[in-house]
N, C-alpha and C. Protein backbone atom coordinates (compact mmCIF):
# COMPACT_ATOMS: atom_id res chain seq x y z
N MET A 1 77.75 110.96 67.96
CA MET A 1 77.12 111.83 68.95
C MET A 1 76.94 111.10 70.28
N LYS A 2 76.55 109.81 70.18
CA LYS A 2 76.37 109.02 71.41
C LYS A 2 77.68 108.91 72.18
N THR A 3 78.78 108.68 71.44
CA THR A 3 80.09 108.54 72.09
C THR A 3 80.47 109.84 72.80
N PHE A 4 80.22 110.98 72.15
CA PHE A 4 80.55 112.26 72.76
C PHE A 4 79.74 112.47 74.04
N CYS A 5 78.45 112.18 73.99
CA CYS A 5 77.59 112.35 75.18
C CYS A 5 78.05 111.45 76.32
N LYS A 6 78.41 110.20 75.96
CA LYS A 6 78.87 109.25 76.97
C LYS A 6 80.16 109.75 77.62
N THR A 7 81.08 110.24 76.78
CA THR A 7 82.35 110.75 77.29
C THR A 7 82.13 111.96 78.19
N PHE A 8 81.28 112.88 77.74
CA PHE A 8 81.00 114.08 78.53
C PHE A 8 80.40 113.72 79.88
N LEU A 9 79.46 112.79 79.88
CA LEU A 9 78.82 112.38 81.14
C LEU A 9 79.82 111.72 82.08
N LEU A 10 80.73 110.91 81.54
CA LEU A 10 81.75 110.26 82.37
C LEU A 10 82.68 111.29 82.99
N ILE A 11 83.12 112.28 82.18
CA ILE A 11 84.01 113.31 82.70
C ILE A 11 83.30 114.12 83.77
N PHE A 12 82.03 114.46 83.51
CA PHE A 12 81.24 115.23 84.47
C PHE A 12 81.07 114.43 85.77
N PHE A 13 80.85 113.11 85.63
CA PHE A 13 80.69 112.25 86.81
C PHE A 13 81.95 112.24 87.66
N VAL A 14 83.11 112.10 87.00
CA VAL A 14 84.38 112.08 87.73
C VAL A 14 84.60 113.42 88.43
N PHE A 15 84.29 114.49 87.72
CA PHE A 15 84.45 115.82 88.30
C PHE A 15 83.62 115.97 89.57
N LEU A 16 82.37 115.53 89.51
CA LEU A 16 81.50 115.60 90.69
C LEU A 16 82.02 114.71 91.81
N MET A 17 82.51 113.51 91.42
CA MET A 17 83.03 112.57 92.42
C MET A 17 84.23 113.17 93.15
N VAL A 18 85.12 113.80 92.40
CA VAL A 18 86.30 114.39 93.02
C VAL A 18 85.91 115.58 93.90
N MET A 19 84.98 116.37 93.41
CA MET A 19 84.54 117.54 94.19
C MET A 19 83.89 117.14 95.50
N SER A 20 83.27 115.96 95.51
CA SER A 20 82.56 115.53 96.72
C SER A 20 83.50 114.99 97.78
N VAL A 21 84.77 114.70 97.43
CA VAL A 21 85.72 114.16 98.41
C VAL A 21 86.00 115.18 99.50
N LEU A 22 86.21 116.43 99.09
CA LEU A 22 86.50 117.50 100.05
C LEU A 22 85.51 118.63 99.85
N PRO A 23 84.58 118.82 100.80
CA PRO A 23 83.56 119.82 100.61
C PRO A 23 84.07 121.26 100.58
N CYS A 24 85.20 121.51 101.23
CA CYS A 24 85.76 122.86 101.28
C CYS A 24 86.51 123.14 99.98
N ARG A 25 86.15 124.20 99.26
CA ARG A 25 86.82 124.51 98.01
C ARG A 25 87.57 125.82 98.10
N ALA A 26 88.73 125.84 97.55
CA ALA A 26 89.48 127.08 97.38
C ALA A 26 89.98 127.08 95.95
N ASP A 27 90.15 128.24 95.36
CA ASP A 27 90.58 128.31 93.98
C ASP A 27 91.76 129.25 93.84
N ASP A 28 92.27 129.33 92.62
CA ASP A 28 93.41 130.20 92.35
C ASP A 28 92.90 131.62 92.06
N LYS A 29 92.33 132.25 93.08
CA LYS A 29 91.88 133.63 92.98
C LYS A 29 92.81 134.48 93.84
N ALA A 30 92.69 135.81 93.68
CA ALA A 30 93.59 136.71 94.41
C ALA A 30 93.53 136.48 95.91
N ARG A 31 92.32 136.30 96.46
CA ARG A 31 92.22 136.13 97.91
C ARG A 31 92.82 134.79 98.36
N ASP A 32 92.76 133.77 97.49
CA ASP A 32 93.34 132.47 97.84
C ASP A 32 94.86 132.49 97.68
N ARG A 33 95.33 133.19 96.64
CA ARG A 33 96.78 133.34 96.48
C ARG A 33 97.40 134.04 97.69
N ALA A 34 96.67 135.01 98.23
CA ALA A 34 97.19 135.77 99.38
C ALA A 34 97.46 134.87 100.58
N THR A 35 96.78 133.72 100.66
CA THR A 35 97.00 132.81 101.80
C THR A 35 98.34 132.09 101.69
N LEU A 36 98.99 132.18 100.53
CA LEU A 36 100.30 131.55 100.35
C LEU A 36 101.44 132.45 100.83
N ARG A 37 101.12 133.70 101.07
CA ARG A 37 102.14 134.66 101.48
C ARG A 37 102.73 134.27 102.83
N GLY A 38 104.05 134.18 102.89
CA GLY A 38 104.73 133.89 104.15
C GLY A 38 104.98 132.41 104.41
N ILE A 39 104.48 131.54 103.54
CA ILE A 39 104.79 130.12 103.70
C ILE A 39 106.25 129.91 103.31
N GLN A 40 107.02 129.34 104.21
CA GLN A 40 108.46 129.23 104.01
C GLN A 40 108.90 127.90 103.43
N ALA A 41 108.06 126.88 103.54
CA ALA A 41 108.41 125.55 103.01
C ALA A 41 107.14 124.73 102.84
N VAL A 42 107.22 123.73 101.94
CA VAL A 42 106.07 122.85 101.74
C VAL A 42 106.49 121.38 101.88
N VAL A 43 105.53 120.58 102.25
CA VAL A 43 105.69 119.12 102.30
C VAL A 43 104.81 118.56 101.20
N VAL A 44 105.32 117.67 100.38
CA VAL A 44 104.55 117.10 99.26
C VAL A 44 104.03 115.73 99.65
N ILE A 45 102.72 115.53 99.47
CA ILE A 45 102.10 114.23 99.72
C ILE A 45 101.25 113.85 98.51
N VAL A 46 101.61 112.74 97.86
CA VAL A 46 100.79 112.19 96.78
C VAL A 46 100.03 111.01 97.36
N HIS A 47 98.73 111.10 97.38
CA HIS A 47 97.90 110.04 97.93
C HIS A 47 97.77 108.91 96.91
N SER A 48 97.99 107.69 97.35
CA SER A 48 97.95 106.54 96.45
C SER A 48 96.57 106.38 95.85
N ALA A 49 96.56 105.96 94.59
CA ALA A 49 95.30 105.68 93.92
C ALA A 49 94.69 104.42 94.53
N GLU A 50 93.42 104.17 94.20
CA GLU A 50 92.76 102.97 94.70
C GLU A 50 93.56 101.74 94.28
N PRO A 51 93.54 100.67 95.10
CA PRO A 51 94.35 99.47 94.82
C PRO A 51 94.19 98.93 93.41
N GLU A 52 92.98 98.99 92.86
CA GLU A 52 92.77 98.41 91.52
C GLU A 52 93.49 99.20 90.42
N TRP A 53 93.93 100.42 90.73
CA TRP A 53 94.64 101.23 89.74
C TRP A 53 96.14 101.21 89.94
N GLN A 54 96.61 100.80 91.10
CA GLN A 54 98.04 100.90 91.40
C GLN A 54 98.90 100.07 90.45
N THR A 55 98.47 98.85 90.13
CA THR A 55 99.25 98.00 89.23
C THR A 55 99.34 98.63 87.85
N GLU A 56 98.22 99.17 87.38
CA GLU A 56 98.16 99.82 86.06
C GLU A 56 99.11 101.02 86.01
N LEU A 57 99.13 101.79 87.08
CA LEU A 57 99.98 102.98 87.14
C LEU A 57 101.46 102.63 87.29
N GLU A 58 101.74 101.56 88.01
CA GLU A 58 103.13 101.14 88.20
C GLU A 58 103.78 100.75 86.87
N LYS A 59 102.98 100.23 85.95
CA LYS A 59 103.51 99.82 84.64
C LYS A 59 104.11 100.98 83.87
N ILE A 60 103.59 102.19 84.12
CA ILE A 60 104.12 103.37 83.40
C ILE A 60 104.94 104.26 84.33
N GLY A 61 105.28 103.74 85.51
CA GLY A 61 106.14 104.47 86.44
C GLY A 61 105.45 105.58 87.19
N VAL A 62 104.13 105.53 87.26
CA VAL A 62 103.37 106.55 87.99
C VAL A 62 103.00 106.01 89.35
N THR A 63 103.98 105.97 90.25
CA THR A 63 103.73 105.56 91.63
C THR A 63 103.70 106.81 92.50
N ALA A 64 103.14 106.70 93.69
CA ALA A 64 103.07 107.85 94.60
C ALA A 64 104.47 108.40 94.89
N SER A 65 105.43 107.50 95.13
CA SER A 65 106.79 107.96 95.47
C SER A 65 107.47 108.63 94.27
N ALA A 66 107.25 108.10 93.06
CA ALA A 66 107.85 108.70 91.85
C ALA A 66 107.26 110.08 91.59
N LEU A 67 105.95 110.22 91.79
CA LEU A 67 105.31 111.52 91.59
C LEU A 67 105.76 112.53 92.64
N GLU A 68 105.90 112.08 93.88
CA GLU A 68 106.38 112.97 94.94
C GLU A 68 107.77 113.50 94.60
N ALA A 69 108.65 112.61 94.15
CA ALA A 69 110.02 113.01 93.79
C ALA A 69 110.00 114.01 92.63
N MET A 70 109.14 113.76 91.64
CA MET A 70 109.03 114.66 90.48
C MET A 70 108.56 116.05 90.90
N ILE A 71 107.53 116.09 91.76
CA ILE A 71 106.97 117.37 92.21
C ILE A 71 107.97 118.13 93.08
N GLU A 72 108.65 117.41 93.98
CA GLU A 72 109.65 118.05 94.85
C GLU A 72 110.76 118.68 94.02
N GLN A 73 111.20 117.97 92.99
CA GLN A 73 112.26 118.49 92.12
C GLN A 73 111.78 119.75 91.39
N GLN A 74 110.53 119.72 90.93
CA GLN A 74 109.95 120.86 90.23
C GLN A 74 109.87 122.09 91.14
N LEU A 75 109.47 121.87 92.39
CA LEU A 75 109.37 122.97 93.35
C LEU A 75 110.75 123.54 93.70
N LYS A 76 111.70 122.64 93.95
CA LYS A 76 113.06 123.07 94.30
C LYS A 76 113.69 123.88 93.16
N LYS A 77 113.44 123.44 91.94
CA LYS A 77 113.97 124.14 90.77
C LYS A 77 113.43 125.57 90.71
N ALA A 78 112.19 125.75 91.19
CA ALA A 78 111.57 127.08 91.20
C ALA A 78 111.99 127.89 92.43
N GLY A 79 112.81 127.28 93.30
CA GLY A 79 113.29 127.99 94.49
C GLY A 79 112.39 127.88 95.70
N ILE A 80 111.41 126.98 95.65
CA ILE A 80 110.49 126.80 96.78
C ILE A 80 111.06 125.72 97.71
N PRO A 81 111.33 126.05 98.97
CA PRO A 81 111.89 125.05 99.90
C PRO A 81 110.91 123.89 100.12
N VAL A 82 111.45 122.68 100.13
CA VAL A 82 110.64 121.48 100.32
C VAL A 82 111.19 120.72 101.53
N LEU A 83 110.28 120.29 102.40
CA LEU A 83 110.67 119.52 103.58
C LEU A 83 110.17 118.08 103.45
N PRO A 84 110.97 117.10 103.90
CA PRO A 84 110.44 115.73 103.98
C PRO A 84 109.40 115.67 105.09
N MET A 85 108.47 114.75 104.99
CA MET A 85 107.38 114.67 105.95
C MET A 85 107.88 114.54 107.39
N GLU A 86 108.94 113.75 107.57
CA GLU A 86 109.44 113.51 108.94
C GLU A 86 110.10 114.76 109.55
N ALA A 87 110.50 115.71 108.72
CA ALA A 87 111.15 116.92 109.23
C ALA A 87 110.17 118.08 109.40
N ALA A 88 108.94 117.88 108.98
CA ALA A 88 107.95 118.96 109.05
C ALA A 88 107.56 119.22 110.50
N GLY A 89 107.46 120.50 110.84
CA GLY A 89 107.08 120.87 112.20
C GLY A 89 105.62 121.21 112.33
N ARG A 90 104.90 121.21 111.17
CA ARG A 90 103.48 121.56 111.15
C ARG A 90 103.24 122.92 111.82
N THR A 91 104.03 123.91 111.41
CA THR A 91 103.86 125.26 111.95
C THR A 91 103.09 126.11 110.95
N GLU A 92 102.79 127.34 111.36
CA GLU A 92 102.05 128.25 110.46
C GLU A 92 102.89 128.72 109.28
N TYR A 93 104.19 128.38 109.27
CA TYR A 93 105.07 128.77 108.17
C TYR A 93 105.27 127.65 107.16
N GLU A 94 104.57 126.53 107.34
CA GLU A 94 104.67 125.39 106.43
C GLU A 94 103.31 125.06 105.82
N GLY A 95 103.36 124.54 104.62
CA GLY A 95 102.13 124.11 103.96
C GLY A 95 102.29 122.67 103.50
N VAL A 96 101.18 121.97 103.33
CA VAL A 96 101.20 120.59 102.84
C VAL A 96 100.54 120.58 101.46
N LEU A 97 101.33 120.24 100.44
CA LEU A 97 100.82 120.19 99.08
C LEU A 97 100.35 118.76 98.79
N ASN A 98 99.04 118.60 98.64
CA ASN A 98 98.43 117.28 98.43
C ASN A 98 98.08 117.07 96.97
N VAL A 99 98.29 115.84 96.49
CA VAL A 99 97.86 115.47 95.14
C VAL A 99 97.01 114.21 95.24
N ARG A 100 95.81 114.28 94.66
CA ARG A 100 94.90 113.12 94.65
C ARG A 100 94.51 112.79 93.22
N LEU A 101 94.46 111.50 92.91
CA LEU A 101 94.06 111.03 91.58
C LEU A 101 92.80 110.18 91.70
N LYS A 102 91.87 110.40 90.77
CA LYS A 102 90.66 109.57 90.70
C LYS A 102 90.48 109.11 89.26
N PHE A 103 90.00 107.87 89.09
CA PHE A 103 89.86 107.30 87.76
C PHE A 103 88.49 106.68 87.53
N VAL A 104 88.09 106.67 86.25
CA VAL A 104 86.94 105.89 85.80
C VAL A 104 87.39 105.22 84.51
N ASP A 105 87.05 103.97 84.33
CA ASP A 105 87.46 103.20 83.16
C ASP A 105 86.32 103.19 82.13
N PRO A 106 86.37 104.07 81.12
CA PRO A 106 85.25 104.16 80.19
C PRO A 106 85.31 103.20 79.01
N GLU A 107 86.45 102.53 78.82
CA GLU A 107 86.61 101.67 77.66
C GLU A 107 87.10 100.29 78.09
N PRO A 108 86.78 99.25 77.32
CA PRO A 108 87.31 97.93 77.66
C PRO A 108 88.83 97.90 77.52
N ALA A 109 89.48 97.14 78.40
CA ALA A 109 90.95 97.08 78.38
C ALA A 109 91.47 96.36 77.16
N LYS A 110 90.67 95.45 76.62
CA LYS A 110 91.13 94.65 75.49
C LYS A 110 90.16 94.78 74.33
N LYS A 111 90.70 94.67 73.13
CA LYS A 111 89.87 94.67 71.93
C LYS A 111 89.81 93.24 71.40
N GLN A 112 88.67 92.89 70.82
CA GLN A 112 88.50 91.54 70.30
C GLN A 112 88.59 91.56 68.77
N PHE A 113 89.28 90.57 68.25
CA PHE A 113 89.43 90.43 66.80
C PHE A 113 89.04 89.01 66.40
N PRO A 114 88.45 88.84 65.20
CA PRO A 114 88.13 87.48 64.75
C PRO A 114 89.42 86.70 64.51
N SER A 115 89.40 85.44 64.84
CA SER A 115 90.59 84.60 64.71
C SER A 115 90.56 83.84 63.39
N LEU A 116 91.75 83.72 62.80
CA LEU A 116 91.87 82.91 61.58
C LEU A 116 92.07 81.44 61.94
N ASP A 117 92.42 81.23 63.20
CA ASP A 117 92.63 79.86 63.69
C ASP A 117 91.27 79.26 64.06
N LYS A 118 90.98 78.10 63.51
CA LYS A 118 89.68 77.46 63.76
C LYS A 118 89.53 77.01 65.22
N LYS A 119 90.66 76.87 65.92
CA LYS A 119 90.60 76.44 67.32
C LYS A 119 90.08 77.56 68.23
N GLU A 120 90.24 78.80 67.80
CA GLU A 120 89.78 79.92 68.60
C GLU A 120 88.80 80.77 67.81
N ASP A 121 87.76 81.23 68.49
CA ASP A 121 86.77 82.08 67.83
C ASP A 121 87.26 83.52 67.73
N ILE A 122 87.88 83.99 68.82
CA ILE A 122 88.34 85.38 68.84
C ILE A 122 89.73 85.47 69.46
N ILE A 123 90.40 86.56 69.18
CA ILE A 123 91.69 86.87 69.79
C ILE A 123 91.53 88.19 70.53
N GLU A 124 92.05 88.23 71.76
CA GLU A 124 92.00 89.47 72.52
C GLU A 124 93.39 90.10 72.58
N LYS A 125 93.46 91.39 72.29
CA LYS A 125 94.73 92.11 72.37
C LYS A 125 94.55 93.32 73.26
N VAL A 126 95.60 93.61 74.03
CA VAL A 126 95.55 94.79 74.89
C VAL A 126 95.60 96.03 74.03
N ASP A 127 94.74 96.99 74.31
CA ASP A 127 94.68 98.24 73.57
C ASP A 127 95.65 99.24 74.19
N VAL A 128 96.78 99.45 73.51
CA VAL A 128 97.80 100.34 74.06
C VAL A 128 97.39 101.82 74.00
N LYS A 129 96.39 102.10 73.19
CA LYS A 129 95.93 103.49 73.05
C LYS A 129 94.70 103.76 73.92
N LYS A 130 94.43 102.87 74.84
CA LYS A 130 93.27 103.02 75.70
C LYS A 130 93.30 104.34 76.47
N ARG A 131 92.14 104.99 76.55
CA ARG A 131 92.04 106.25 77.28
C ARG A 131 91.27 106.04 78.59
N TYR A 132 91.63 106.83 79.57
CA TYR A 132 90.98 106.77 80.88
C TYR A 132 90.41 108.14 81.22
N VAL A 133 89.29 108.15 81.89
CA VAL A 133 88.77 109.40 82.45
C VAL A 133 89.42 109.55 83.82
N TYR A 134 90.08 110.67 84.03
CA TYR A 134 90.71 110.86 85.33
C TYR A 134 90.60 112.32 85.77
N ALA A 135 90.70 112.50 87.07
CA ALA A 135 90.69 113.83 87.66
C ALA A 135 91.88 113.94 88.61
N ILE A 136 92.56 115.06 88.55
CA ILE A 136 93.70 115.32 89.43
C ILE A 136 93.36 116.56 90.25
N ARG A 137 93.52 116.47 91.54
CA ARG A 137 93.31 117.63 92.41
C ARG A 137 94.60 117.90 93.16
N LEU A 138 95.05 119.15 93.10
CA LEU A 138 96.24 119.57 93.84
C LEU A 138 95.79 120.70 94.77
N ASN A 139 96.04 120.54 96.06
CA ASN A 139 95.67 121.60 96.99
C ASN A 139 96.73 121.80 98.05
N LEU A 140 96.69 122.97 98.65
CA LEU A 140 97.61 123.27 99.74
C LEU A 140 96.81 123.44 101.02
N ARG A 141 97.22 122.67 102.04
CA ARG A 141 96.64 122.79 103.38
C ARG A 141 97.65 123.49 104.27
N GLN A 142 97.14 124.30 105.17
CA GLN A 142 98.02 124.94 106.14
C GLN A 142 97.28 125.18 107.44
N LEU A 143 98.05 125.48 108.45
CA LEU A 143 97.48 125.72 109.78
C LEU A 143 96.81 127.08 109.79
N VAL A 144 95.52 127.09 110.12
CA VAL A 144 94.77 128.35 110.17
C VAL A 144 94.04 128.45 111.51
N ALA A 145 93.70 129.68 111.89
CA ALA A 145 92.98 129.92 113.15
C ALA A 145 91.59 130.45 112.81
N LEU A 146 90.61 130.06 113.60
CA LEU A 146 89.25 130.56 113.44
C LEU A 146 89.18 132.01 113.88
N GLN A 147 88.51 132.84 113.10
CA GLN A 147 88.41 134.26 113.44
C GLN A 147 87.66 134.45 114.77
N ARG A 148 86.64 133.61 115.00
CA ARG A 148 85.86 133.77 116.23
C ARG A 148 86.59 133.23 117.45
N ASP A 149 87.59 132.36 117.20
CA ASP A 149 88.35 131.79 118.31
C ASP A 149 89.78 131.50 117.85
N PRO A 150 90.65 132.51 117.87
CA PRO A 150 92.03 132.35 117.37
C PRO A 150 92.82 131.22 118.02
N SER A 151 92.39 130.77 119.20
CA SER A 151 93.11 129.67 119.85
C SER A 151 92.79 128.33 119.20
N ALA A 152 91.70 128.26 118.43
CA ALA A 152 91.31 127.02 117.73
C ALA A 152 92.00 127.00 116.37
N LYS A 153 93.02 126.15 116.23
CA LYS A 153 93.79 126.07 114.98
C LYS A 153 93.58 124.71 114.32
N VAL A 154 93.38 124.73 113.00
CA VAL A 154 93.15 123.49 112.24
C VAL A 154 93.90 123.57 110.91
N PHE A 155 94.13 122.41 110.30
CA PHE A 155 94.69 122.38 108.96
C PHE A 155 93.54 122.46 107.97
N SER A 156 93.62 123.40 107.06
CA SER A 156 92.53 123.60 106.10
C SER A 156 93.09 123.91 104.72
N ILE A 157 92.29 123.61 103.69
CA ILE A 157 92.68 123.93 102.32
C ILE A 157 92.49 125.42 102.11
N THR A 158 93.55 126.08 101.64
CA THR A 158 93.45 127.52 101.36
C THR A 158 93.67 127.83 99.88
N TRP A 159 94.20 126.87 99.13
CA TRP A 159 94.45 127.08 97.69
C TRP A 159 94.34 125.73 97.00
N GLN A 160 93.74 125.73 95.81
CA GLN A 160 93.69 124.47 95.06
C GLN A 160 93.45 124.70 93.58
N THR A 161 93.79 123.69 92.81
CA THR A 161 93.49 123.68 91.38
C THR A 161 93.26 122.23 91.00
N GLU A 162 92.62 122.00 89.86
CA GLU A 162 92.34 120.62 89.45
C GLU A 162 92.31 120.50 87.93
N SER A 163 92.37 119.27 87.46
CA SER A 163 92.33 118.97 86.03
C SER A 163 91.51 117.71 85.83
N VAL A 164 90.61 117.74 84.85
CA VAL A 164 89.80 116.57 84.52
C VAL A 164 90.00 116.30 83.04
N GLY A 165 90.22 115.05 82.67
CA GLY A 165 90.43 114.75 81.25
C GLY A 165 90.18 113.30 80.92
N MET A 166 90.26 113.01 79.63
CA MET A 166 90.14 111.63 79.14
C MET A 166 91.30 111.42 78.18
N ARG A 167 92.36 110.80 78.70
CA ARG A 167 93.58 110.62 77.91
C ARG A 167 94.24 109.31 78.30
N ARG A 168 95.34 109.00 77.63
CA ARG A 168 96.12 107.82 78.02
C ARG A 168 96.83 108.10 79.35
N LEU A 169 97.09 107.05 80.10
CA LEU A 169 97.72 107.22 81.41
C LEU A 169 99.09 107.88 81.33
N THR A 170 99.77 107.69 80.20
CA THR A 170 101.12 108.25 80.06
C THR A 170 101.12 109.78 80.11
N PHE A 171 99.96 110.40 79.92
CA PHE A 171 99.89 111.87 79.95
C PHE A 171 99.64 112.42 81.35
N ILE A 172 99.44 111.54 82.33
CA ILE A 172 99.11 112.00 83.68
C ILE A 172 100.23 112.85 84.27
N ARG A 173 101.48 112.41 84.10
CA ARG A 173 102.61 113.18 84.63
C ARG A 173 102.61 114.60 84.06
N GLU A 174 102.34 114.69 82.77
CA GLU A 174 102.31 115.98 82.08
C GLU A 174 101.26 116.90 82.71
N ASP A 175 100.07 116.35 82.98
CA ASP A 175 99.00 117.15 83.58
C ASP A 175 99.35 117.57 85.01
N ILE A 176 99.97 116.67 85.77
CA ILE A 176 100.37 117.01 87.15
C ILE A 176 101.41 118.13 87.13
N LYS A 177 102.37 118.06 86.21
CA LYS A 177 103.39 119.11 86.11
C LYS A 177 102.75 120.46 85.84
N LYS A 178 101.72 120.48 85.01
CA LYS A 178 101.03 121.74 84.70
C LYS A 178 100.35 122.30 85.95
N LEU A 179 99.75 121.42 86.75
CA LEU A 179 99.10 121.87 87.97
C LEU A 179 100.12 122.40 88.98
N VAL A 180 101.27 121.72 89.05
CA VAL A 180 102.34 122.18 89.95
C VAL A 180 102.85 123.54 89.47
N ASP A 181 102.94 123.73 88.16
CA ASP A 181 103.34 125.03 87.62
C ASP A 181 102.36 126.12 88.04
N SER A 182 101.08 125.78 88.09
CA SER A 182 100.07 126.75 88.55
C SER A 182 100.33 127.13 90.00
N PHE A 183 100.68 126.13 90.83
CA PHE A 183 100.99 126.42 92.23
C PHE A 183 102.24 127.29 92.32
N ILE A 184 103.26 126.97 91.53
CA ILE A 184 104.50 127.74 91.55
C ILE A 184 104.23 129.19 91.18
N ASP A 185 103.41 129.40 90.15
CA ASP A 185 103.05 130.77 89.74
C ASP A 185 102.36 131.51 90.88
N ALA A 186 101.40 130.83 91.52
CA ALA A 186 100.65 131.45 92.62
C ALA A 186 101.57 131.76 93.79
N TYR A 187 102.42 130.79 94.16
CA TYR A 187 103.33 130.97 95.29
C TYR A 187 104.32 132.10 95.01
N THR A 188 104.88 132.09 93.80
CA THR A 188 105.88 133.10 93.43
C THR A 188 105.28 134.50 93.44
N SER A 189 104.03 134.61 92.99
CA SER A 189 103.38 135.93 92.94
C SER A 189 103.23 136.55 94.33
N GLU A 190 103.18 135.71 95.37
CA GLU A 190 103.00 136.20 96.74
C GLU A 190 104.29 136.21 97.56
N ASN A 191 105.32 135.53 97.06
CA ASN A 191 106.56 135.40 97.84
C ASN A 191 107.81 135.76 97.04
N SER A 192 107.65 136.59 96.02
CA SER A 192 108.79 136.90 95.13
C SER A 192 109.94 137.55 95.89
N ALA A 193 109.64 138.42 96.84
CA ALA A 193 110.71 139.09 97.61
C ALA A 193 111.52 138.08 98.41
N THR A 194 110.83 137.12 99.03
CA THR A 194 111.51 136.08 99.84
C THR A 194 112.36 135.20 98.96
N LEU A 195 111.85 134.82 97.78
CA LEU A 195 112.58 133.94 96.88
C LEU A 195 113.84 134.59 96.36
N LYS A 196 113.82 135.91 96.16
CA LYS A 196 115.00 136.62 95.65
C LYS A 196 116.14 136.63 96.66
N THR A 197 115.79 136.67 97.94
CA THR A 197 116.82 136.73 98.98
C THR A 197 117.43 135.36 99.30
N ASN A 198 116.76 134.27 98.86
CA ASN A 198 117.27 132.91 99.15
C ASN A 198 118.37 132.53 98.17
């Protein structure tokens, strides 16, 4: 019971931490999906994890560039046009798909075992089944105008989804793909006519 409570509190903490990064929230509701209508292309940006996590993620091939390539391929396969960052014009017809990862380390990286060798008291082995608490946030920013002053235009989040879990790092790609699928479903529901003509 103690382990369950500890795990729940850690997941809840990460969720709150991720939510506090960006105060503006949008969800996959009908009114938020409607903001995707008319977007003709997206730019994918995966924000690098904190430096202390980058080495750990590189070991399993989860780098920002690898994730960007994976997401771009997934979007293109669904018929959604993708632009490289340098070709983006930042117009009202483009959106920026952001992915952010946050982590908390709830378990020790190594397990200790008693040693049969009298020279050593204990042996430490890396735990390959180690689980991490992590949160993934995927959101779309686009150029919007203030209703009270249409000449004032800013980039704002209009759609987002997220995932919080406690799993091995190797499952992160799987969770990101599911979130991208959610975006594809939302985008397709609002732009099906455009996608058919492409």
